[in-house]
Amino acid sequence: MSVARQIWRNGVVLLPIFAHVIIKIITWIFISVNCTAKHYAHFSTLRRFAYIVMGIRFHGIFVFRSP
């Protein structure tokens, strides 16, 4: 029980940090999607959607850069 209580206490302490990182990642994904959509605006809608999905997959998931 004491170990679980310690993990819970650490989790509560780390929760704001995790929330901040997650918000930053989501914001960066939205910014990258908007930039990708503008960059490929001259392509067809289907092709543009495919490029946006690939952008999310390669840049949004594997590269965590702050916006």
N, C-alpha and C. Protein backbone atom coordinates (compact mmCIF):
# COMPACT_ATOMS: atom_id res chain seq x y z
N MET A 1 0.83 -1.21 0.00
CA MET A 1 0.00 0.00 0.00
C MET A 1 0.86 1.26 0.00
N SER A 2 1.96 1.23 0.77
CA SER A 2 2.81 2.42 0.86
C SER A 2 3.44 2.73 -0.50
N VAL A 3 3.81 1.68 -1.26
CA VAL A 3 4.40 1.89 -2.59
C VAL A 3 3.37 2.52 -3.52
N ALA A 4 2.14 2.00 -3.49
CA ALA A 4 1.08 2.56 -4.33
C ALA A 4 0.80 4.01 -3.96
N ARG A 5 0.82 4.30 -2.64
CA ARG A 5 0.58 5.68 -2.19
C ARG A 5 1.69 6.61 -2.67
N GLN A 6 2.93 6.10 -2.66
CA GLN A 6 4.07 6.91 -3.11
C GLN A 6 3.95 7.19 -4.62
N ILE A 7 3.59 6.15 -5.41
CA ILE A 7 3.41 6.33 -6.85
C ILE A 7 2.30 7.34 -7.11
N TRP A 8 1.20 7.23 -6.35
CA TRP A 8 0.08 8.16 -6.52
C TRP A 8 0.51 9.59 -6.22
N ARG A 9 1.30 9.77 -5.15
CA ARG A 9 1.77 11.10 -4.78
C ARG A 9 2.66 11.68 -5.89
N ASN A 10 3.58 10.85 -6.41
CA ASN A 10 4.46 11.31 -7.49
C ASN A 10 3.65 11.63 -8.74
N GLY A 11 2.63 10.81 -9.03
CA GLY A 11 1.78 11.05 -10.19
C GLY A 11 1.05 12.38 -10.09
N VAL A 12 0.55 12.70 -8.88
CA VAL A 12 -0.15 13.97 -8.68
C VAL A 12 0.82 15.14 -8.87
N VAL A 13 2.07 14.97 -8.42
CA VAL A 13 3.07 16.02 -8.58
C VAL A 13 3.42 16.21 -10.06
N LEU A 14 3.52 15.09 -10.81
CA LEU A 14 3.94 15.17 -12.21
C LEU A 14 2.79 15.49 -13.16
N LEU A 15 1.55 15.46 -12.68
CA LEU A 15 0.40 15.65 -13.56
C LEU A 15 0.41 16.98 -14.32
N PRO A 16 0.69 18.13 -13.67
CA PRO A 16 0.73 19.39 -14.41
C PRO A 16 1.80 19.40 -15.51
N ILE A 17 2.94 18.75 -15.24
CA ILE A 17 4.02 18.69 -16.24
C ILE A 17 3.55 17.89 -17.45
N PHE A 18 2.93 16.72 -17.20
CA PHE A 18 2.42 15.90 -18.30
C PHE A 18 1.36 16.65 -19.09
N ALA A 19 0.46 17.34 -18.39
CA ALA A 19 -0.60 18.10 -19.06
C ALA A 19 0.01 19.18 -19.95
N HIS A 20 1.03 19.88 -19.46
CA HIS A 20 1.69 20.94 -20.23
C HIS A 20 2.33 20.36 -21.49
N VAL A 21 3.03 19.22 -21.35
CA VAL A 21 3.69 18.59 -22.50
C VAL A 21 2.66 18.15 -23.52
N ILE A 22 1.55 17.54 -23.06
CA ILE A 22 0.52 17.05 -23.98
C ILE A 22 -0.11 18.22 -24.73
N ILE A 23 -0.40 19.32 -24.02
CA ILE A 23 -0.98 20.50 -24.67
C ILE A 23 -0.02 21.06 -25.71
N LYS A 24 1.28 21.08 -25.39
CA LYS A 24 2.28 21.59 -26.31
C LYS A 24 2.35 20.72 -27.57
N ILE A 25 2.31 19.39 -27.39
CA ILE A 25 2.35 18.46 -28.53
C ILE A 25 1.13 18.64 -29.42
N ILE A 26 -0.07 18.75 -28.79
CA ILE A 26 -1.31 18.92 -29.57
C ILE A 26 -1.26 20.23 -30.35
N THR A 27 -0.78 21.30 -29.69
CA THR A 27 -0.67 22.60 -30.36
C THR A 27 0.27 22.50 -31.56
N TRP A 28 1.40 21.80 -31.37
CA TRP A 28 2.37 21.69 -32.45
C TRP A 28 1.80 20.89 -33.62
N ILE A 29 1.02 19.83 -33.31
CA ILE A 29 0.41 19.03 -34.37
C ILE A 29 -0.56 19.89 -35.18
N PHE A 30 -1.38 20.71 -34.49
CA PHE A 30 -2.33 21.58 -35.20
C PHE A 30 -1.59 22.57 -36.08
N ILE A 31 -0.49 23.16 -35.57
CA ILE A 31 0.28 24.12 -36.35
C ILE A 31 0.89 23.44 -37.58
N SER A 32 1.44 22.23 -37.40
CA SER A 32 2.06 21.53 -38.52
C SER A 32 1.02 21.15 -39.56
N VAL A 33 -0.20 20.78 -39.12
CA VAL A 33 -1.27 20.44 -40.06
C VAL A 33 -1.67 21.67 -40.86
N ASN A 34 -1.79 22.82 -40.20
CA ASN A 34 -2.16 24.05 -40.89
C ASN A 34 -1.10 24.44 -41.91
N CYS A 35 0.18 24.34 -41.53
CA CYS A 35 1.27 24.67 -42.45
C CYS A 35 1.28 23.71 -43.63
N THR A 36 1.06 22.42 -43.37
CA THR A 36 1.04 21.43 -44.44
C THR A 36 -0.11 21.70 -45.39
N ALA A 37 -1.28 22.03 -44.86
CA ALA A 37 -2.45 22.30 -45.69
C ALA A 37 -2.21 23.52 -46.58
N LYS A 38 -1.56 24.57 -46.04
CA LYS A 38 -1.26 25.75 -46.84
C LYS A 38 -0.22 25.42 -47.91
N HIS A 39 0.77 24.59 -47.52
CA HIS A 39 1.86 24.29 -48.42
C HIS A 39 1.38 23.47 -49.61
N TYR A 40 0.41 22.55 -49.37
CA TYR A 40 -0.08 21.69 -50.44
C TYR A 40 -1.45 22.13 -50.94
N ALA A 41 -1.73 23.43 -50.87
CA ALA A 41 -3.06 23.94 -51.23
C ALA A 41 -3.34 23.75 -52.72
N HIS A 42 -2.30 23.68 -53.57
CA HIS A 42 -2.52 23.57 -55.00
C HIS A 42 -2.78 22.12 -55.43
N PHE A 43 -2.63 21.16 -54.50
CA PHE A 43 -2.92 19.78 -54.83
C PHE A 43 -4.41 19.50 -54.67
N SER A 44 -4.83 18.32 -55.12
CA SER A 44 -6.22 17.92 -54.92
C SER A 44 -6.49 17.66 -53.44
N THR A 45 -7.75 17.65 -53.06
CA THR A 45 -8.13 17.50 -51.65
C THR A 45 -7.65 16.17 -51.11
N LEU A 46 -7.82 15.10 -51.89
CA LEU A 46 -7.44 13.76 -51.42
C LEU A 46 -5.94 13.68 -51.20
N ARG A 47 -5.17 14.20 -52.15
CA ARG A 47 -3.72 14.15 -52.03
C ARG A 47 -3.25 15.01 -50.85
N ARG A 48 -3.88 16.18 -50.68
CA ARG A 48 -3.56 17.05 -49.56
C ARG A 48 -3.85 16.35 -48.23
N PHE A 49 -4.98 15.64 -48.16
CA PHE A 49 -5.33 14.91 -46.94
C PHE A 49 -4.28 13.85 -46.64
N ALA A 50 -3.82 13.14 -47.69
CA ALA A 50 -2.79 12.12 -47.50
C ALA A 50 -1.49 12.74 -46.98
N TYR A 51 -1.11 13.90 -47.51
CA TYR A 51 0.11 14.56 -47.04
C TYR A 51 -0.04 15.03 -45.59
N ILE A 52 -1.25 15.51 -45.22
CA ILE A 52 -1.48 15.94 -43.84
C ILE A 52 -1.35 14.76 -42.90
N VAL A 53 -1.95 13.61 -43.27
CA VAL A 53 -1.87 12.42 -42.43
C VAL A 53 -0.42 11.97 -42.28
N MET A 54 0.35 11.98 -43.39
CA MET A 54 1.76 11.59 -43.30
C MET A 54 2.53 12.58 -42.44
N GLY A 55 2.19 13.87 -42.54
CA GLY A 55 2.86 14.88 -41.71
C GLY A 55 2.61 14.64 -40.24
N ILE A 56 1.35 14.29 -39.90
CA ILE A 56 1.05 13.98 -38.50
C ILE A 56 1.83 12.75 -38.08
N ARG A 57 1.86 11.73 -38.95
CA ARG A 57 2.48 10.46 -38.57
C ARG A 57 3.98 10.64 -38.35
N PHE A 58 4.65 11.37 -39.25
CA PHE A 58 6.11 11.45 -39.17
C PHE A 58 6.58 12.55 -38.22
N HIS A 59 5.88 13.69 -38.23
CA HIS A 59 6.37 14.83 -37.45
C HIS A 59 5.65 14.96 -36.12
N GLY A 60 4.35 14.66 -36.10
CA GLY A 60 3.58 14.85 -34.88
C GLY A 60 3.86 13.80 -33.82
N ILE A 61 4.12 12.54 -34.26
CA ILE A 61 4.26 11.46 -33.29
C ILE A 61 5.72 11.27 -32.90
N PHE A 62 6.62 11.28 -33.86
CA PHE A 62 8.01 10.93 -33.56
C PHE A 62 8.86 12.14 -33.21
N VAL A 63 8.48 13.33 -33.63
CA VAL A 63 9.28 14.53 -33.34
C VAL A 63 8.46 15.43 -32.43
N PHE A 64 8.90 15.58 -31.19
CA PHE A 64 8.18 16.41 -30.23
C PHE A 64 8.91 17.75 -30.10
N ARG A 65 8.63 18.66 -31.04
CA ARG A 65 9.22 19.99 -30.96
C ARG A 65 8.16 20.97 -30.47
N SER A 66 8.55 21.90 -29.64
CA SER A 66 7.59 22.89 -29.15
C SER A 66 7.28 23.89 -30.26
N PRO A 67 6.04 24.33 -30.34
CA PRO A 67 5.65 25.25 -31.42
C PRO A 67 6.24 26.65 -31.25
